[in-house]
Amino acid sequence: MTERTTVRLPDELVARAKRKALAEGRSLTALIEDGLRRVLADTAYRERNKRLLPPVAAETGGLLPGVDLNDSAALQEMDDLEYVERLRNGFA
């Protein structure tokens, strides 16, 4: 069974992915599926990109000021902003 979902990706990344899928004669969905399978299977990638959610304050060990575990939209936005920053820095 397949699931329909929405993802937010940088325009430039989507454009490159569409060109690659077209050049390989397959759908964008197939390209994304292949990429996800590779990343999920890559143990080294998972180790490099481990992180804990939500972020905690080093001083108190508790949640950072302004983090509300009951506000899933705000948590998702924080995650998206962090992801975009990691994209800009080449996942360093």
Protein backbone atom coordinates (compact mmCIF):
# COMPACT_ATOMS: atom_id res chain seq x y z
CA MET A 1 0.00 0.00 0.00
CA THR A 2 1.25 3.48 -0.77
CA GLU A 3 0.66 6.63 1.21
CA ARG A 4 0.25 10.09 -0.19
CA THR A 5 2.18 12.78 1.68
CA THR A 6 3.37 16.35 1.32
CA VAL A 7 6.97 17.40 1.80
CA ARG A 8 8.55 20.83 1.69
CA LEU A 9 11.76 20.93 -0.31
CA PRO A 10 13.89 23.78 -1.63
CA ASP A 11 12.87 24.78 -5.17
CA GLU A 12 16.38 24.20 -6.51
CA LEU A 13 16.48 20.67 -5.11
CA VAL A 14 13.12 19.79 -6.63
CA ALA A 15 14.17 21.18 -10.01
CA ARG A 16 17.37 19.10 -9.97
CA ALA A 17 15.47 15.99 -8.90
CA LYS A 18 12.91 16.44 -11.68
CA ARG A 19 15.67 16.80 -14.28
CA LYS A 20 17.44 13.68 -12.99
CA ALA A 21 14.22 11.64 -12.95
CA LEU A 22 13.41 12.76 -16.50
CA ALA A 23 16.93 11.94 -17.70
CA GLU A 24 16.65 8.46 -16.17
CA GLY A 25 13.17 7.91 -17.58
CA ARG A 26 11.46 7.47 -14.23
CA SER A 27 9.09 9.40 -12.04
CA LEU A 28 10.05 11.89 -9.36
CA THR A 29 8.29 9.60 -6.88
CA ALA A 30 10.54 6.68 -7.88
CA LEU A 31 13.64 8.85 -7.49
CA ILE A 32 12.58 10.04 -4.03
CA GLU A 33 11.66 6.50 -2.98
CA ASP A 34 15.06 5.21 -4.07
CA GLY A 35 16.83 8.00 -2.19
CA LEU A 36 14.86 7.38 0.99
CA ARG A 37 15.57 3.66 0.85
CA ARG A 38 19.31 4.35 0.47
CA VAL A 39 19.42 6.80 3.35
CA LEU A 40 17.41 4.52 5.64
CA ALA A 41 19.68 1.58 4.84
CA ASP A 42 22.89 3.57 5.44
CA THR A 43 23.92 2.98 9.06
CA ALA A 44 26.82 5.44 8.82
CA TYR A 45 24.42 8.16 7.64
CA ARG A 46 22.12 7.49 10.59
CA GLU A 47 25.04 7.71 13.04
CA ARG A 48 26.26 11.01 11.55
CA ASN A 49 22.83 12.58 11.72
CA LYS A 50 21.61 11.45 15.14
CA ARG A 51 19.90 14.09 17.21
CA LEU A 52 17.48 14.38 20.04
CA LEU A 53 14.12 16.09 19.86
CA PRO A 54 13.07 18.38 21.31
CA PRO A 55 16.13 20.52 22.00
CA VAL A 56 17.06 20.95 25.64
CA ALA A 57 18.80 23.69 27.55
CA ALA A 58 22.31 22.68 28.65
CA GLU A 59 22.01 24.65 31.89
CA THR A 60 18.82 23.08 33.22
CA GLY A 61 18.47 19.92 31.13
CA GLY A 62 14.87 20.95 30.42
CA LEU A 63 13.18 22.23 27.31
CA LEU A 64 14.51 25.38 25.72
CA PRO A 65 12.47 28.49 26.46
CA GLY A 66 9.49 28.73 24.12
CA VAL A 67 9.34 24.99 23.30
CA ASP A 68 5.85 23.62 23.87
CA LEU A 69 5.51 19.86 23.42
CA ASN A 70 1.78 20.30 22.91
CA ASP A 71 2.27 22.55 19.86
CA SER A 72 3.15 20.08 17.11
CA ALA A 73 3.05 22.76 14.40
CA ALA A 74 5.71 24.81 16.21
CA LEU A 75 7.87 21.71 16.74
CA GLN A 76 7.58 20.88 13.03
CA GLU A 77 8.53 24.44 12.11
CA MET A 78 11.61 24.24 14.35
CA ASP A 79 12.56 20.96 12.70
CA ASP A 80 12.05 22.44 9.22
CA LEU A 81 14.17 25.49 10.04
CA GLU A 82 16.94 23.29 11.40
CA TYR A 83 16.78 21.10 8.28
CA VAL A 84 17.05 24.11 5.97
CA GLU A 85 20.05 25.36 7.95
CA ARG A 86 21.69 21.92 7.64
CA LEU A 87 21.02 21.99 3.88
CA ARG A 88 22.72 25.37 3.61
CA ASN A 89 25.73 24.02 5.50
CA GLY A 90 25.96 20.83 3.44
CA PHE A 91 24.80 18.62 6.36
CA ALA A 92 28.04 19.44 8.19
